[in-house]
Amino acid sequence: MLTPLVIVGIMACFSVAQAEDSGVLTECRQVGAVRVATSKGLDSKAKNALDAMSQQLRAVGTDRLLRIEGDDGTGRTPEESLTRSLMLAKNVQLYLASRHALDLDVYLATATAPGTGRTVRIYACPKQFDVEILDLPRNITDNKRDFHPSVPDR
């Protein structure tokens, strides 16, 4: 079974209260948080914390999805912090999938706040995504013809 992966980037550090006000984390609950000491992969303390959290994550169930939010405020520029935050979240997702075979829907998010070090927060969120089937007139990646969405090409 393929697990969908959605990557979301947020350039501000939201607290849960702020995020709930904006609708980002409505009805999400924080499962846990992990501090990471190194910029290259996950250190042993972070792995041990994720190992301890694995049963709780497994109990989340398939009707919810995991939001894995990396926060690495150690970059010299906002772009560097965003990239490091995303890689931090991705490292956690890969570790949980390979070490604990967690087969849950996951989306990655970033929150960067300078001077906060490296932290990953994991939330259990309701699935709020609906499938929508689009009936497109042709392959829109074909750049040989002009694409006019209002004019059917049939």
C-alpha atoms as a PDB file:
ATOM      1  CA  MET A   1       0.000   0.000   0.000  1.00  0.00           C
ATOM      2  CA  LEU A   2       1.375   3.376  -0.966  1.00  0.00           C
ATOM      3  CA  THR A   3       1.266   6.023   1.704  1.00  0.00           C
ATOM      4  CA  PRO A   4       0.481   9.510   0.422  1.00  0.00           C
ATOM      5  CA  LEU A   5       2.928  12.144   1.482  1.00  0.00           C
ATOM      6  CA  VAL A   6       2.113  15.833   1.492  1.00  0.00           C
ATOM      7  CA  ILE A   7       4.797  18.402   2.163  1.00  0.00           C
ATOM      8  CA  VAL A   8       3.791  21.740   3.631  1.00  0.00           C
ATOM      9  CA  GLY A   9       6.126  24.636   4.350  1.00  0.00           C
ATOM     10  CA  ILE A  10       5.338  27.314   6.897  1.00  0.00           C
ATOM     11  CA  MET A  11       7.829  30.130   7.404  1.00  0.00           C
ATOM     12  CA  ALA A  12       6.530  31.179  10.828  1.00  0.00           C
ATOM     13  CA  CYS A  13       6.625  29.361  14.114  1.00  0.00           C
ATOM     14  CA  PHE A  14       3.034  28.760  15.185  1.00  0.00           C
ATOM     15  CA  SER A  15       2.051  27.941  18.696  1.00  0.00           C
ATOM     16  CA  VAL A  16      -0.879  25.556  18.937  1.00  0.00           C
ATOM     17  CA  ALA A  17      -3.208  28.386  19.941  1.00  0.00           C
ATOM     18  CA  GLN A  18      -2.171  30.536  16.983  1.00  0.00           C
ATOM     19  CA  ALA A  19      -2.407  27.607  14.608  1.00  0.00           C
ATOM     20  CA  GLU A  20      -5.858  26.651  15.854  1.00  0.00           C
ATOM     21  CA  ASP A  21      -7.018  30.215  15.262  1.00  0.00           C
ATOM     22  CA  SER A  22      -5.785  30.040  11.678  1.00  0.00           C
ATOM     23  CA  GLY A  23      -7.345  26.598  11.161  1.00  0.00           C
ATOM     24  CA  VAL A  24      -4.011  24.850  10.554  1.00  0.00           C
ATOM     25  CA  LEU A  25      -4.125  22.510  13.545  1.00  0.00           C
ATOM     26  CA  THR A  26      -7.829  22.444  14.309  1.00  0.00           C
ATOM     27  CA  GLU A  27      -8.708  19.220  16.096  1.00  0.00           C
ATOM     28  CA  CYS A  28      -5.093  18.025  16.056  1.00  0.00           C
ATOM     29  CA  ARG A  29      -3.496  16.748  19.220  1.00  0.00           C
ATOM     30  CA  GLN A  30       0.199  16.693  19.870  1.00  0.00           C
ATOM     31  CA  VAL A  31       1.437  13.139  20.335  1.00  0.00           C
ATOM     32  CA  GLY A  32       4.958  14.121  21.254  1.00  0.00           C
ATOM     33  CA  ALA A  33       8.051  16.184  20.579  1.00  0.00           C
ATOM     34  CA  VAL A  34      11.658  15.157  20.048  1.00  0.00           C
ATOM     35  CA  ARG A  35      14.834  17.253  20.344  1.00  0.00           C
ATOM     36  CA  VAL A  36      17.570  16.457  17.830  1.00  0.00           C
ATOM     37  CA  ALA A  37      21.185  17.257  18.665  1.00  0.00           C
ATOM     38  CA  THR A  38      22.808  16.911  15.245  1.00  0.00           C
ATOM     39  CA  SER A  39      22.131  18.404  11.837  1.00  0.00           C
ATOM     40  CA  LYS A  40      23.060  15.138  10.107  1.00  0.00           C
ATOM     41  CA  GLY A  41      20.324  12.573  10.622  1.00  0.00           C
ATOM     42  CA  LEU A  42      18.933  11.606  14.000  1.00  0.00           C
ATOM     43  CA  ASP A  43      21.055  11.135  17.100  1.00  0.00           C
ATOM     44  CA  SER A  44      20.597   8.179  19.461  1.00  0.00           C
ATOM     45  CA  LYS A  45      18.540  10.156  22.012  1.00  0.00           C
ATOM     46  CA  ALA A  46      16.102  11.248  19.291  1.00  0.00           C
ATOM     47  CA  LYS A  47      15.825   7.672  18.006  1.00  0.00           C
ATOM     48  CA  ASN A  48      15.199   6.376  21.540  1.00  0.00           C
ATOM     49  CA  ALA A  49      12.462   8.974  22.047  1.00  0.00           C
ATOM     50  CA  LEU A  50      10.827   7.973  18.751  1.00  0.00           C
ATOM     51  CA  ASP A  51      11.121   4.292  19.707  1.00  0.00           C
ATOM     52  CA  ALA A  52       9.340   5.032  22.988  1.00  0.00           C
ATOM     53  CA  MET A  53       6.633   6.944  21.124  1.00  0.00           C
ATOM     54  CA  SER A  54       6.078   4.267  18.451  1.00  0.00           C
ATOM     55  CA  GLN A  55       3.256   2.383  20.219  1.00  0.00           C
ATOM     56  CA  GLN A  56       1.397   5.623  20.840  1.00  0.00           C
ATOM     57  CA  LEU A  57       1.834   6.552  17.160  1.00  0.00           C
ATOM     58  CA  ARG A  58       0.632   3.129  16.054  1.00  0.00           C
ATOM     59  CA  ALA A  59      -2.515   3.643  18.150  1.00  0.00           C
ATOM     60  CA  VAL A  60      -3.390   6.803  16.200  1.00  0.00           C
ATOM     61  CA  GLY A  61      -5.309   4.661  13.716  1.00  0.00           C
ATOM     62  CA  THR A  62      -5.896   4.853  10.002  1.00  0.00           C
ATOM     63  CA  ASP A  63      -8.744   7.365  10.308  1.00  0.00           C
ATOM     64  CA  ARG A  64      -6.228  10.060  11.279  1.00  0.00           C
ATOM     65  CA  LEU A  65      -2.987  11.259   9.791  1.00  0.00           C
ATOM     66  CA  LEU A  66       0.314  12.255  11.290  1.00  0.00           C
ATOM     67  CA  ARG A  67       1.647  15.755  10.916  1.00  0.00           C
ATOM     68  CA  ILE A  68       5.406  15.610  11.394  1.00  0.00           C
ATOM     69  CA  GLU A  69       6.623  19.167  11.893  1.00  0.00           C
ATOM     70  CA  GLY A  70      10.334  19.867  11.735  1.00  0.00           C
ATOM     71  CA  ASP A  71      11.663  23.036  13.355  1.00  0.00           C
ATOM     72  CA  ASP A  72      15.327  23.773  12.788  1.00  0.00           C
ATOM     73  CA  GLY A  73      16.041  27.400  13.567  1.00  0.00           C
ATOM     74  CA  THR A  74      19.812  26.991  13.244  1.00  0.00           C
ATOM     75  CA  GLY A  75      20.109  28.115   9.618  1.00  0.00           C
ATOM     76  CA  ARG A  76      21.820  31.350   8.654  1.00  0.00           C
ATOM     77  CA  THR A  77      18.970  32.340   6.325  1.00  0.00           C
ATOM     78  CA  PRO A  78      15.219  31.670   6.399  1.00  0.00           C
ATOM     79  CA  GLU A  79      15.606  29.473   3.307  1.00  0.00           C
ATOM     80  CA  GLU A  80      18.325  27.402   4.967  1.00  0.00           C
ATOM     81  CA  SER A  81      16.215  26.984   8.117  1.00  0.00           C
ATOM     82  CA  LEU A  82      13.209  25.949   6.025  1.00  0.00           C
ATOM     83  CA  THR A  83      15.262  23.356   4.146  1.00  0.00           C
ATOM     84  CA  ARG A  84      16.802  21.990   7.343  1.00  0.00           C
ATOM     85  CA  SER A  85      13.376  21.865   9.012  1.00  0.00           C
ATOM     86  CA  LEU A  86      11.930  19.887   6.119  1.00  0.00           C
ATOM     87  CA  MET A  87      14.872  17.449   6.137  1.00  0.00           C
ATOM     88  CA  LEU A  88      14.486  17.006   9.892  1.00  0.00           C
ATOM     89  CA  ALA A  89      10.802  16.098   9.494  1.00  0.00           C
ATOM     90  CA  LYS A  90      11.642  13.789   6.579  1.00  0.00           C
ATOM     91  CA  ASN A  91      14.336  12.002   8.629  1.00  0.00           C
ATOM     92  CA  VAL A  92      11.769  11.315  11.357  1.00  0.00           C
ATOM     93  CA  GLN A  93       9.222  10.054   8.829  1.00  0.00           C
ATOM     94  CA  LEU A  94      11.787   7.733   7.224  1.00  0.00           C
ATOM     95  CA  TYR A  95      12.952   6.447  10.608  1.00  0.00           C
ATOM     96  CA  LEU A  96       9.405   5.669  11.769  1.00  0.00           C
ATOM     97  CA  ALA A  97       8.563   3.952   8.476  1.00  0.00           C
ATOM     98  CA  SER A  98      11.727   1.839   8.330  1.00  0.00           C
ATOM     99  CA  ARG A  99      12.271   1.023  12.015  1.00  0.00           C
ATOM    100  CA  HIS A 100       8.643   0.670  13.152  1.00  0.00           C
ATOM    101  CA  ALA A 101       6.832  -0.013   9.866  1.00  0.00           C
ATOM    102  CA  LEU A 102       4.267   2.684  10.622  1.00  0.00           C
ATOM    103  CA  ASP A 103       1.859   2.540   7.712  1.00  0.00           C
ATOM    104  CA  LEU A 104      -0.017   5.763   8.386  1.00  0.00           C
ATOM    105  CA  ASP A 105      -0.806   8.698   6.146  1.00  0.00           C
ATOM    106  CA  VAL A 106       1.740  11.412   6.869  1.00  0.00           C
ATOM    107  CA  TYR A 107       2.270  14.976   5.897  1.00  0.00           C
ATOM    108  CA  LEU A 108       5.399  16.919   6.584  1.00  0.00           C
ATOM    109  CA  ALA A 109       5.395  20.502   7.756  1.00  0.00           C
ATOM    110  CA  THR A 110       7.985  23.024   8.776  1.00  0.00           C
ATOM    111  CA  ALA A 111       8.024  25.767  11.339  1.00  0.00           C
ATOM    112  CA  THR A 112      11.161  27.821  11.741  1.00  0.00           C
ATOM    113  CA  ALA A 113      11.992  30.052  14.640  1.00  0.00           C
ATOM    114  CA  PRO A 114      15.571  31.343  14.954  1.00  0.00           C
ATOM    115  CA  GLY A 115      17.394  30.159  18.053  1.00  0.00           C
ATOM    116  CA  THR A 116      15.033  27.286  18.881  1.00  0.00           C
ATOM    117  CA  GLY A 117      17.454  24.514  18.024  1.00  0.00           C
ATOM    118  CA  ARG A 118      16.172  21.361  16.354  1.00  0.00           C
ATOM    119  CA  THR A 119      12.780  19.992  17.375  1.00  0.00           C
ATOM    120  CA  VAL A 120      10.247  17.706  15.737  1.00  0.00           C
ATOM    121  CA  ARG A 121       6.648  17.808  16.894  1.00  0.00           C
ATOM    122  CA  ILE A 122       4.234  15.045  15.907  1.00  0.00           C
ATOM    123  CA  TYR A 123       0.487  15.638  15.796  1.00  0.00           C
ATOM    124  CA  ALA A 124      -2.451  13.314  15.141  1.00  0.00           C
ATOM    125  CA  CYS A 125      -4.911  15.126  12.883  1.00  0.00           C
ATOM    126  CA  PRO A 126      -8.279  14.218  11.391  1.00  0.00           C
ATOM    127  CA  LYS A 127      -8.275  13.388   7.715  1.00  0.00           C
ATOM    128  CA  GLN A 128      -9.863  16.413   6.107  1.00  0.00           C
ATOM    129  CA  PHE A 129      -8.978  15.668   2.521  1.00  0.00           C
ATOM    130  CA  ASP A 130     -11.560  14.688  -0.055  1.00  0.00           C
ATOM    131  CA  VAL A 131     -10.882  12.978  -3.342  1.00  0.00           C
ATOM    132  CA  GLU A 132     -11.910  15.024  -6.331  1.00  0.00           C
ATOM    133  CA  ILE A 133     -11.736  13.570  -9.819  1.00  0.00           C
ATOM    134  CA  LEU A 134     -10.926  16.141 -12.469  1.00  0.00           C
ATOM    135  CA  ASP A 135     -12.130  15.630 -16.012  1.00  0.00           C
ATOM    136  CA  LEU A 136      -9.430  17.416 -17.973  1.00  0.00           C
ATOM    137  CA  PRO A 137      -9.771  17.765 -21.734  1.00  0.00           C
ATOM    138  CA  ARG A 138      -6.206  16.550 -22.347  1.00  0.00           C
ATOM    139  CA  ASN A 139      -2.844  16.096 -20.737  1.00  0.00           C
ATOM    140  CA  ILE A 140      -2.091  19.568 -19.366  1.00  0.00           C
ATOM    141  CA  THR A 141       1.609  18.757 -19.220  1.00  0.00           C
ATOM    142  CA  ASP A 142       1.676  18.724 -23.023  1.00  0.00           C
ATOM    143  CA  ASN A 143       3.211  22.083 -23.894  1.00  0.00           C
ATOM    144  CA  LYS A 144       2.876  21.625 -27.653  1.00  0.00           C
ATOM    145  CA  ARG A 145      -0.573  23.194 -27.699  1.00  0.00           C
ATOM    146  CA  ASP A 146      -2.153  26.071 -25.851  1.00  0.00           C
ATOM    147  CA  PHE A 147      -4.302  25.035 -22.940  1.00  0.00           C
ATOM    148  CA  HIS A 148      -7.633  26.784 -22.555  1.00  0.00           C
ATOM    149  CA  PRO A 149      -9.572  25.277 -19.622  1.00  0.00           C
ATOM    150  CA  SER A 150     -12.847  26.825 -20.729  1.00  0.00           C
ATOM    151  CA  VAL A 151     -12.711  25.255 -24.196  1.00  0.00           C
ATOM    152  CA  PRO A 152     -13.078  21.463 -24.203  1.00  0.00           C
ATOM    153  CA  ASP A 153     -10.590  19.690 -26.452  1.00  0.00           C
ATOM    154  CA  ARG A 154     -12.590  16.613 -27.468  1.00  0.00           C
END
